[in-house]
Amino acid sequence: MPSPAPAPADRGAAHRRAAAGVVAEIADRLAEPDRVAGIAGAPDNLMRYPGDPQPVWHPLLLSDGHPGVGLLFAELAAGAPELRGRAHAHLSAALGSGIRLLPQSLFSGMVALAFAGHAAATGFGGYASMLAGLDRHITGQARERARADRERLRAGEPAGAWNRYDVLGGAAGIGRYLLARHDSAAGPAVRPALTDVLESLVATAVADDLDRHGTRLPSWWVTDGLEHGLPEHVNLGLAHGVSGPLALLSVAWRQGVRVDRQDEAIERIMALLSRWRATDDAGPRWPHLITLPRLRSGRPPERARDSWCYGAAGTARAVHLAGVALDRADWRAEAHAALRGALTVASDELIHDSALCHGWAGLLQIVLRMAHDSPGSGYHALADGLAARVLAGYDPEAPFRYRYRHALAARDLDRPGFLEGAAGIALVLHAYATGDAPATSWDSAMLLS
């Protein structure tokens, strides 16, 4: 007679045990900075963008570099002090690579290193001198960027490029780092810069629409710095769109860090999202972006892949944060419905990897955060199913135990980092296995918390 199928609670416990084992294995594979960099920097480990092959590793990236791997060990070391040396080794490797050589954003350069250092300091202390030195440079540059953004608005120009305001390259990401530091002993030193960043995002959000191409366009309109042939558009996603500033303004508001018209800015971004919200058989959704023809026709595109970076899942989290901040039950309900719809249609045909950015791990972390904020909402069962999806991507032959699939890669890639690699997957599996919110709030880099 066949054995009875395990009960859901038993399946969840088994998944959590498996997740903890995978985390320990990934941590061992990522322990040595030189080995990690050597494998990730292999000549054929490339994303082959048209005419522009790019390596998947740079020592100073939070997405694919030592800060991202250090973030994993900062989180693990909060409960396992013997791992502090591994966190320190990756932070030291990043610091020694030349912090002034990259554009400064949450995912690149000084801010990336500082975010990982702040996580380590939160988890187990230290790094005060390094962070104080980095903060002096970061705050000065943040204030300069904010002034340039306000001057652009006063001249009647749109945002222009998403890396002026977004999470990965712009003000939303830098602002999230400054907000994290504001809650530490560094608060008085970073407050003026944080205020400037928030004010610049508020100014963009509340600005009147602009005349361009004979059409009234939102001030968030993206005209330059476009990748892979994208046309001009307004971006709605969490990684590169208005959902990033929405999440930052909402989290800051909830923490009592407020500037003039911040609540109005949240409402204005929500009005833009509401304008382009559509509903299909799965539920409410938001498109990735709206081009000029779509804006003129008023018809949103069909549902595409829903993930952290783009689509209903990431945007739902930002909408939920806004609903919590301004106590809007209707926004929170909409967020829950949209996330559940996104999970209903998620499939291997649309989601091709296990990582955070647009893979199963990103969906799992969103669900874990929603479960933490909404006890009794039934998200834990959904988390078990998503964890099974993440665990299914485990590859015992891969040097970091996961490989990254992409149409622009000649082979499955070995990525050890945070956003699209093994460190990020391990962070999510650790949160799932323990059942606790991250000790270091590492997912604030994704504007999920």
Protein backbone atom coordinates (compact mmCIF):
# COMPACT_ATOMS: atom_id res chain seq x y z
CA MET A 1 0.00 0.00 0.00
CA PRO A 2 1.42 3.44 -0.89
CA SER A 3 2.32 5.78 1.94
CA PRO A 4 -0.18 8.56 2.53
CA ALA A 5 0.72 11.97 1.14
CA PRO A 6 2.29 14.22 3.78
CA ALA A 7 0.01 16.78 5.37
CA PRO A 8 0.59 20.43 4.36
CA ALA A 9 2.23 21.18 7.71
CA ASP A 10 4.61 18.27 7.21
CA ARG A 11 5.44 19.44 3.69
CA GLY A 12 6.22 22.90 5.00
CA ALA A 13 8.50 21.51 7.70
CA ALA A 14 10.30 19.36 5.14
CA HIS A 15 10.76 22.34 2.83
CA ARG A 16 12.15 24.43 5.68
CA ARG A 17 14.66 21.73 6.60
CA ALA A 18 15.71 21.42 2.96
CA ALA A 19 16.00 25.20 2.67
CA ALA A 20 18.27 25.39 5.72
CA GLY A 21 20.52 22.73 4.23
CA VAL A 22 20.78 24.54 0.91
CA VAL A 23 21.61 27.81 2.68
CA ALA A 24 24.47 26.16 4.57
CA GLU A 25 25.79 24.63 1.36
CA ILE A 26 25.66 27.90 -0.58
CA ALA A 27 27.36 29.69 2.30
CA ASP A 28 30.23 27.23 2.16
CA ARG A 29 30.55 27.71 -1.61
CA LEU A 30 30.67 31.51 -1.20
CA ALA A 31 33.07 31.63 1.74
CA GLU A 32 36.29 32.56 -0.10
CA PRO A 33 36.20 35.90 -1.97
CA ASP A 34 39.00 35.05 -4.40
CA ARG A 35 37.43 31.73 -5.39
CA VAL A 36 34.02 33.36 -5.86
CA ALA A 37 35.43 36.15 -8.02
CA GLY A 38 37.47 33.70 -10.08
CA ILE A 39 34.50 31.51 -10.99
CA ALA A 40 32.13 34.43 -11.58
CA GLY A 41 34.74 36.24 -13.71
CA ALA A 42 35.29 33.35 -16.14
CA PRO A 43 35.64 34.65 -19.74
CA ASP A 44 32.53 32.86 -20.97
CA ASN A 45 30.36 33.77 -17.97
CA LEU A 46 28.77 36.66 -19.88
CA MET A 47 25.44 38.27 -20.66
CA ARG A 48 25.55 38.78 -24.43
CA TYR A 49 23.58 41.96 -24.88
CA PRO A 50 23.42 42.96 -28.57
CA GLY A 51 26.82 44.39 -29.42
CA ASP A 52 27.76 44.65 -25.74
CA PRO A 53 28.82 41.43 -23.96
CA GLN A 54 28.98 42.10 -20.23
CA PRO A 55 30.52 40.11 -17.35
CA VAL A 56 28.22 39.14 -14.53
CA TRP A 57 30.66 40.12 -11.78
CA HIS A 58 32.18 43.36 -10.55
CA PRO A 59 33.68 43.50 -7.06
CA LEU A 60 31.73 46.65 -6.07
CA LEU A 61 28.21 45.75 -7.14
CA LEU A 62 25.48 44.89 -4.67
CA SER A 63 23.78 42.91 -7.41
CA ASP A 64 26.81 40.85 -8.53
CA GLY A 65 29.81 41.59 -6.35
CA HIS A 66 31.38 41.30 -2.92
CA PRO A 67 28.83 43.62 -1.21
CA GLY A 68 25.99 41.31 -2.27
CA VAL A 69 27.77 38.20 -1.01
CA GLY A 70 28.75 40.08 2.15
CA LEU A 71 25.06 40.83 2.68
CA LEU A 72 24.34 37.11 2.92
CA PHE A 73 27.01 36.59 5.57
CA ALA A 74 25.93 39.69 7.49
CA GLU A 75 22.45 38.17 7.80
CA LEU A 76 23.69 34.69 8.67
CA ALA A 77 26.25 36.00 11.17
CA ALA A 78 23.50 37.76 13.13
CA GLY A 79 22.64 34.30 14.43
CA ALA A 80 25.93 32.50 13.83
CA PRO A 81 28.89 34.59 15.08
CA GLU A 82 31.40 32.17 13.56
CA LEU A 83 30.42 33.52 10.11
CA ARG A 84 31.42 37.12 10.85
CA GLY A 85 34.83 36.55 9.32
CA ARG A 86 33.24 35.62 5.99
CA ALA A 87 31.21 38.82 5.94
CA HIS A 88 34.32 40.82 6.76
CA ALA A 89 36.35 39.10 4.05
CA HIS A 90 33.89 40.08 1.33
CA LEU A 91 33.51 43.64 2.62
CA SER A 92 37.29 43.99 2.72
CA ALA A 93 37.58 42.67 -0.84
CA ALA A 94 35.04 45.25 -1.98
CA LEU A 95 36.78 48.08 -0.14
CA GLY A 96 40.11 47.13 -1.69
CA SER A 97 38.79 47.26 -5.25
CA GLY A 98 38.61 51.05 -5.67
CA ILE A 99 35.36 52.56 -4.44
CA ARG A 100 35.54 55.74 -6.53
CA LEU A 101 35.56 54.00 -9.89
CA LEU A 102 31.82 53.38 -10.35
CA PRO A 103 28.67 55.52 -10.51
CA GLN A 104 27.22 55.82 -7.05
CA SER A 105 23.89 54.09 -6.45
CA LEU A 106 22.43 51.59 -4.02
CA PHE A 107 23.63 48.79 -6.27
CA SER A 108 27.00 50.22 -7.28
CA GLY A 109 30.07 51.76 -5.69
CA MET A 110 30.22 53.42 -2.29
CA VAL A 111 26.51 53.11 -1.53
CA ALA A 112 26.54 49.38 -2.31
CA LEU A 113 29.47 48.82 0.03
CA ALA A 114 27.91 51.06 2.68
CA PHE A 115 24.59 49.21 2.53
CA ALA A 116 26.33 45.87 3.07
CA GLY A 117 28.47 47.39 5.83
CA HIS A 118 25.40 48.82 7.53
CA ALA A 119 23.77 45.38 7.37
CA ALA A 120 26.83 43.86 9.02
CA ALA A 121 26.83 46.56 11.69
CA THR A 122 23.14 45.89 12.33
CA GLY A 123 23.73 42.16 12.53
CA PHE A 124 26.75 42.07 14.80
CA GLY A 125 28.26 45.55 15.24
CA GLY A 126 31.38 47.32 14.07
CA TYR A 127 32.24 49.22 10.86
CA ALA A 128 31.48 52.63 12.40
CA SER A 129 34.58 54.33 10.99
CA MET A 130 34.14 52.90 7.49
CA LEU A 131 30.49 53.88 7.39
CA ALA A 132 31.14 57.40 8.69
CA GLY A 133 33.72 57.96 5.96
CA LEU A 134 31.46 56.59 3.23
CA ASP A 135 28.49 58.59 4.50
CA ARG A 136 30.36 61.88 4.07
CA HIS A 137 30.79 61.18 0.36
CA ILE A 138 27.36 59.62 -0.14
CA THR A 139 25.42 62.44 1.51
CA GLY A 140 27.23 65.13 -0.45
CA GLN A 141 26.61 63.41 -3.77
CA ALA A 142 22.99 62.66 -2.87
CA ARG A 143 22.31 66.32 -2.16
CA GLU A 144 23.90 67.35 -5.46
CA ARG A 145 21.76 64.86 -7.35
CA ALA A 146 18.61 66.02 -5.59
CA ARG A 147 19.35 69.66 -6.46
CA ALA A 148 19.89 68.72 -10.12
CA ASP A 149 16.59 66.84 -10.16
CA ARG A 150 14.68 69.82 -8.78
CA GLU A 151 16.34 72.17 -11.27
CA ARG A 152 15.32 69.84 -14.10
CA LEU A 153 11.72 69.96 -12.91
CA ARG A 154 11.77 73.76 -12.63
CA ALA A 155 12.95 73.88 -16.25
CA GLY A 156 9.88 71.90 -17.28
CA GLU A 157 11.78 68.72 -18.13
CA PRO A 158 10.70 65.17 -17.29
CA ALA A 159 12.72 62.80 -15.14
CA GLY A 160 14.37 61.72 -18.39
CA ALA A 161 16.24 58.62 -17.23
CA TRP A 162 15.03 56.04 -14.77
CA ASN A 163 18.41 55.98 -13.02
CA ARG A 164 17.65 59.45 -11.70
CA TYR A 165 14.81 58.21 -9.49
CA ASP A 166 14.68 54.39 -9.45
CA VAL A 167 15.72 51.73 -6.92
CA LEU A 168 18.74 50.26 -8.69
CA GLY A 169 20.45 53.41 -9.92
CA GLY A 170 18.62 56.45 -8.59
CA ALA A 171 17.15 58.43 -5.74
CA ALA A 172 14.76 55.76 -4.41
CA GLY A 173 17.62 53.34 -3.75
CA ILE A 174 19.98 55.94 -2.30
CA GLY A 175 17.13 57.28 -0.20
CA ARG A 176 16.47 53.81 1.20
CA TYR A 177 20.09 53.55 2.32
CA LEU A 178 19.91 56.98 3.94
CA LEU A 179 16.67 56.03 5.68
CA ALA A 180 18.34 52.94 7.12
CA ARG A 181 21.22 55.07 8.38
CA HIS A 182 18.76 57.62 9.77
CA ASP A 183 17.59 55.01 12.25
CA SER A 184 21.16 54.52 13.51
CA ALA A 185 23.55 56.74 15.38
CA ALA A 186 24.35 58.37 12.04
CA GLY A 187 20.87 59.91 11.90
CA PRO A 188 21.80 63.59 12.40
CA ALA A 189 24.57 63.37 9.81
CA VAL A 190 22.41 61.87 7.05
CA ARG A 191 19.12 63.67 7.76
CA PRO A 192 19.76 66.72 5.50
CA ALA A 193 20.59 64.47 2.54
CA LEU A 194 17.61 62.21 3.21
CA THR A 195 15.35 65.26 3.35
CA ASP A 196 16.70 66.50 0.01
CA VAL A 197 16.14 63.10 -1.62
CA LEU A 198 12.59 62.82 -0.31
CA GLU A 199 11.81 66.38 -1.39
CA SER A 200 13.11 65.73 -4.90
CA LEU A 201 10.91 62.64 -5.27
CA VAL A 202 7.92 64.48 -3.84
CA ALA A 203 8.50 67.33 -6.28
CA THR A 204 8.49 64.91 -9.21
CA ALA A 205 5.38 63.13 -7.97
CA VAL A 206 3.30 66.29 -7.48
CA ALA A 207 4.52 68.12 -10.60
CA ASP A 208 2.03 68.93 -13.33
CA ASP A 209 2.04 66.79 -16.46
CA LEU A 210 4.38 67.99 -19.20
CA ASP A 211 3.77 68.79 -22.87
CA ARG A 212 5.83 66.52 -25.12
CA HIS A 213 5.10 65.11 -28.60
CA GLY A 214 1.78 66.96 -28.51
CA THR A 215 0.66 64.95 -25.48
CA ARG A 216 0.44 65.58 -21.76
CA LEU A 217 2.93 63.22 -20.12
CA PRO A 218 3.70 62.38 -16.48
CA SER A 219 6.78 64.00 -14.98
CA TRP A 220 8.23 60.49 -14.57
CA TRP A 221 8.52 60.16 -18.36
CA VAL A 222 11.67 58.30 -19.45
CA THR A 223 13.38 59.64 -22.57
CA ASP A 224 17.03 58.62 -22.39
CA GLY A 225 19.33 55.97 -21.00
CA LEU A 226 16.96 53.40 -22.51
CA GLU A 227 18.17 49.82 -22.85
CA HIS A 228 17.65 47.20 -25.55
CA GLY A 229 15.54 49.31 -27.87
CA LEU A 230 12.87 50.41 -25.38
CA PRO A 231 10.84 53.42 -26.55
CA GLU A 232 10.05 56.47 -24.42
CA HIS A 233 7.63 55.53 -21.64
CA VAL A 234 6.44 55.90 -18.09
CA ASN A 235 7.72 52.96 -16.07
CA LEU A 236 5.47 51.42 -13.41
CA GLY A 237 7.70 48.63 -12.05
CA LEU A 238 9.38 48.39 -8.67
CA ALA A 239 12.96 48.20 -9.95
CA HIS A 240 12.93 51.03 -12.50
CA GLY A 241 9.52 52.65 -12.18
CA VAL A 242 7.28 54.79 -10.00
CA SER A 243 6.64 51.91 -7.59
CA GLY A 244 10.14 52.38 -6.17
CA PRO A 245 9.62 56.01 -5.09
CA LEU A 246 6.15 55.03 -3.87
CA ALA A 247 7.65 52.37 -1.59
CA LEU A 248 10.36 54.68 -0.25
CA LEU A 249 7.96 57.56 0.48
CA SER A 250 5.59 55.12 2.19
CA VAL A 251 8.22 53.44 4.36
CA ALA A 252 9.66 56.83 5.36
CA TRP A 253 6.18 58.14 6.21
CA ARG A 254 5.46 55.11 8.38
CA GLN A 255 8.77 55.65 10.21
CA GLY A 256 7.90 59.28 10.88
CA VAL A 257 10.42 60.73 8.41
CA ARG A 258 8.32 63.24 6.50
CA VAL A 259 8.63 66.29 4.28
CA ASP A 260 6.00 68.70 2.97
CA ARG A 261 3.43 67.14 0.62
CA GLN A 262 4.81 63.62 1.07
CA ASP A 263 1.34 62.17 1.64
CA GLU A 264 0.10 63.99 -1.45
CA ALA A 265 2.99 62.52 -3.44
CA ILE A 266 2.00 59.00 -2.33
CA GLU A 267 -1.58 59.69 -3.41
CA ARG A 268 -0.46 61.08 -6.77
CA ILE A 269 1.65 58.03 -7.56
CA MET A 270 -1.23 55.82 -6.52
CA ALA A 271 -3.51 57.79 -8.84
CA LEU A 272 -1.10 57.11 -11.73
CA LEU A 273 -1.06 53.40 -10.90
CA SER A 274 -4.84 53.36 -10.56
CA ARG A 275 -5.20 54.97 -13.97
CA TRP A 276 -3.30 52.10 -15.58
CA ARG A 277 -4.53 49.26 -13.40
CA ALA A 278 -6.32 46.59 -15.40
CA THR A 279 -8.15 43.44 -14.39
CA ASP A 280 -8.12 40.04 -16.03
CA ASP A 281 -9.30 36.58 -14.96
CA ALA A 282 -6.50 36.38 -12.36
CA GLY A 283 -7.22 39.77 -10.79
CA PRO A 284 -5.90 43.34 -10.80
CA ARG A 285 -2.54 43.99 -12.43
CA TRP A 286 -0.27 46.79 -13.52
CA PRO A 287 1.67 46.79 -16.80
CA HIS A 288 5.44 47.05 -16.86
CA LEU A 289 5.43 50.37 -18.69
CA ILE A 290 3.23 52.66 -20.78
CA THR A 291 4.52 53.91 -24.13
CA LEU A 292 3.29 56.97 -26.01
CA PRO A 293 0.88 55.01 -28.27
CA ARG A 294 -0.59 53.25 -25.23
CA LEU A 295 -0.91 56.52 -23.36
CA ARG A 296 -2.78 58.06 -26.30
CA SER A 297 -5.07 55.07 -26.71
CA GLY A 298 -5.69 54.65 -22.99
CA ARG A 299 -5.42 50.86 -23.31
CA PRO A 300 -2.89 49.03 -21.11
CA PRO A 301 -0.91 46.15 -22.62
CA GLU A 302 -1.66 42.52 -21.78
CA ARG A 303 -0.30 40.90 -18.64
CA ALA A 304 3.38 39.98 -18.89
CA ARG A 305 5.69 38.27 -16.40
CA ASP A 306 4.94 39.28 -12.82
CA SER A 307 8.05 39.43 -10.68
CA TRP A 308 9.86 41.67 -8.21
CA CYS A 309 11.32 43.99 -10.81
CA TYR A 310 8.26 44.40 -13.03
CA GLY A 311 4.59 43.56 -12.93
CA ALA A 312 1.87 42.93 -10.40
CA ALA A 313 3.95 41.22 -7.69
CA GLY A 314 6.49 43.96 -6.99
CA THR A 315 4.00 46.76 -7.55
CA ALA A 316 1.54 45.05 -5.21
CA ARG A 317 4.12 45.20 -2.43
CA ALA A 318 4.66 48.93 -3.01
CA VAL A 319 0.89 49.51 -3.04
CA HIS A 320 0.56 47.58 0.22
CA LEU A 321 3.27 49.70 1.84
CA ALA A 322 1.37 52.81 0.72
CA GLY A 323 -1.86 51.39 2.15
CA VAL A 324 -0.19 50.75 5.49
CA ALA A 325 1.44 54.20 5.55
CA LEU A 326 -1.73 56.19 4.88
CA ASP A 327 -4.11 53.63 6.42
CA ARG A 328 -5.95 52.89 3.19
CA ALA A 329 -7.71 49.55 3.51
CA ASP A 330 -8.75 49.69 -0.16
CA TRP A 331 -5.13 49.91 -1.31
CA ARG A 332 -4.13 47.03 0.94
CA ALA A 333 -6.98 44.88 -0.36
CA GLU A 334 -6.01 45.70 -3.94
CA ALA A 335 -2.41 44.71 -3.21
CA HIS A 336 -3.46 41.35 -1.75
CA ALA A 337 -5.70 40.61 -4.73
CA ALA A 338 -3.00 41.59 -7.23
CA LEU A 339 -0.32 39.48 -5.56
CA ARG A 340 -2.55 36.44 -5.36
CA GLY A 341 -3.41 36.89 -9.03
CA ALA A 342 0.25 37.15 -9.96
CA LEU A 343 0.99 33.92 -8.11
CA THR A 344 -1.94 32.21 -9.83
CA VAL A 345 -0.52 32.85 -13.30
CA ALA A 346 3.17 32.36 -12.41
CA SER A 347 4.63 29.44 -14.36
CA ASP A 348 7.88 28.00 -15.61
CA GLU A 349 7.00 29.32 -19.06
CA LEU A 350 7.22 32.88 -17.72
CA ILE A 351 9.72 32.53 -14.85
CA HIS A 352 12.99 30.94 -15.93
CA ASP A 353 15.26 31.23 -12.89
CA SER A 354 15.30 30.96 -9.12
CA ALA A 355 16.76 34.37 -8.31
CA LEU A 356 15.42 37.55 -6.71
CA CYS A 357 15.06 39.97 -9.60
CA HIS A 358 12.60 38.17 -11.84
CA GLY A 359 12.67 34.64 -10.44
CA TRP A 360 10.95 32.45 -7.89
CA ALA A 361 12.99 33.70 -4.92
CA GLY A 362 11.80 37.27 -5.46
CA LEU A 363 8.17 36.13 -5.39
CA LEU A 364 8.85 34.11 -2.25
CA GLN A 365 10.36 37.07 -0.40
CA ILE A 366 7.41 39.30 -1.33
CA VAL A 367 5.03 36.65 0.04
CA LEU A 368 7.09 36.27 3.23
CA ARG A 369 6.96 40.03 3.84
CA MET A 370 3.22 40.15 3.17
CA ALA A 371 2.72 37.21 5.56
CA HIS A 372 4.75 39.03 8.21
CA ASP A 373 2.62 42.19 7.80
CA SER A 374 -0.70 40.36 7.53
CA PRO A 375 -0.86 37.44 9.99
CA GLY A 376 -3.61 34.96 9.26
CA SER A 377 -3.81 35.94 5.61
CA GLY A 378 -3.00 32.47 4.31
CA TYR A 379 0.33 33.42 2.75
CA HIS A 380 2.27 30.72 4.57
CA ALA A 381 0.80 27.98 2.38
CA LEU A 382 1.68 30.00 -0.70
CA ALA A 383 5.22 30.40 0.66
CA ASP A 384 5.58 26.64 0.94
CA GLY A 385 4.71 26.23 -2.73
CA LEU A 386 7.11 28.96 -3.82
CA ALA A 387 9.88 27.53 -1.64
CA ALA A 388 9.43 24.22 -3.42
CA ARG A 389 9.91 26.03 -6.72
CA VAL A 390 13.12 27.66 -5.49
CA LEU A 391 14.44 24.40 -4.11
CA ALA A 392 13.71 22.69 -7.44
CA GLY A 393 16.35 24.90 -9.07
CA TYR A 394 19.14 23.49 -6.88
CA ASP A 395 21.96 22.02 -8.96
CA PRO A 396 24.55 19.95 -7.07
CA GLU A 397 26.97 20.28 -10.00
CA ALA A 398 26.88 24.10 -10.08
CA PRO A 399 29.76 25.82 -8.25
CA PHE A 400 27.31 28.02 -6.33
CA ARG A 401 24.55 25.37 -6.39
CA TYR A 402 22.27 27.48 -8.64
CA ARG A 403 22.65 28.55 -12.24
CA TYR A 404 21.03 31.47 -14.01
CA ARG A 405 19.17 30.97 -17.28
CA HIS A 406 18.67 33.83 -19.72
CA ALA A 407 18.00 34.09 -23.44
CA LEU A 408 20.98 36.46 -23.81
CA ALA A 409 23.46 34.02 -22.25
CA ALA A 410 25.27 31.43 -24.34
CA ARG A 411 25.21 29.04 -21.37
CA ASP A 412 23.62 28.84 -17.94
CA LEU A 413 25.57 31.34 -15.87
CA ASP A 414 27.33 31.00 -12.53
CA ARG A 415 26.21 34.04 -10.54
CA PRO A 416 27.14 34.22 -6.86
CA GLY A 417 25.62 37.62 -6.14
CA PHE A 418 22.54 39.15 -4.57
CA LEU A 419 20.00 40.19 -7.18
CA GLU A 420 20.35 37.43 -9.74
CA GLY A 421 22.57 34.92 -7.98
CA ALA A 422 23.09 32.40 -5.23
CA ALA A 423 23.55 34.83 -2.32
CA GLY A 424 20.11 36.32 -2.88
CA ILE A 425 18.51 32.90 -3.19
CA ALA A 426 20.18 31.83 0.07
CA LEU A 427 18.94 34.96 1.85
CA VAL A 428 15.35 34.17 0.90
CA LEU A 429 15.64 30.49 1.79
CA HIS A 430 17.13 31.49 5.16
CA ALA A 431 14.18 33.79 5.86
CA TYR A 432 11.79 31.01 4.87
CA ALA A 433 13.61 28.34 6.91
CA THR A 434 13.72 30.42 10.09
CA GLY A 435 10.27 31.96 9.78
CA ASP A 436 11.68 35.26 11.01
CA ALA A 437 11.90 38.69 9.42
CA PRO A 438 15.49 39.41 8.32
CA ALA A 439 17.66 40.59 11.20
CA THR A 440 19.48 43.02 8.91
CA SER A 441 16.48 44.10 6.79
CA TRP A 442 18.52 43.09 3.74
CA ASP A 443 15.39 43.16 1.57
CA SER A 444 15.08 46.91 2.10
CA ALA A 445 17.54 47.06 -0.82
CA MET A 446 14.60 45.83 -2.90
CA LEU A 447 12.22 48.31 -1.21
CA LEU A 448 10.24 45.41 0.21
CA SER A 449 10.65 46.60 3.81
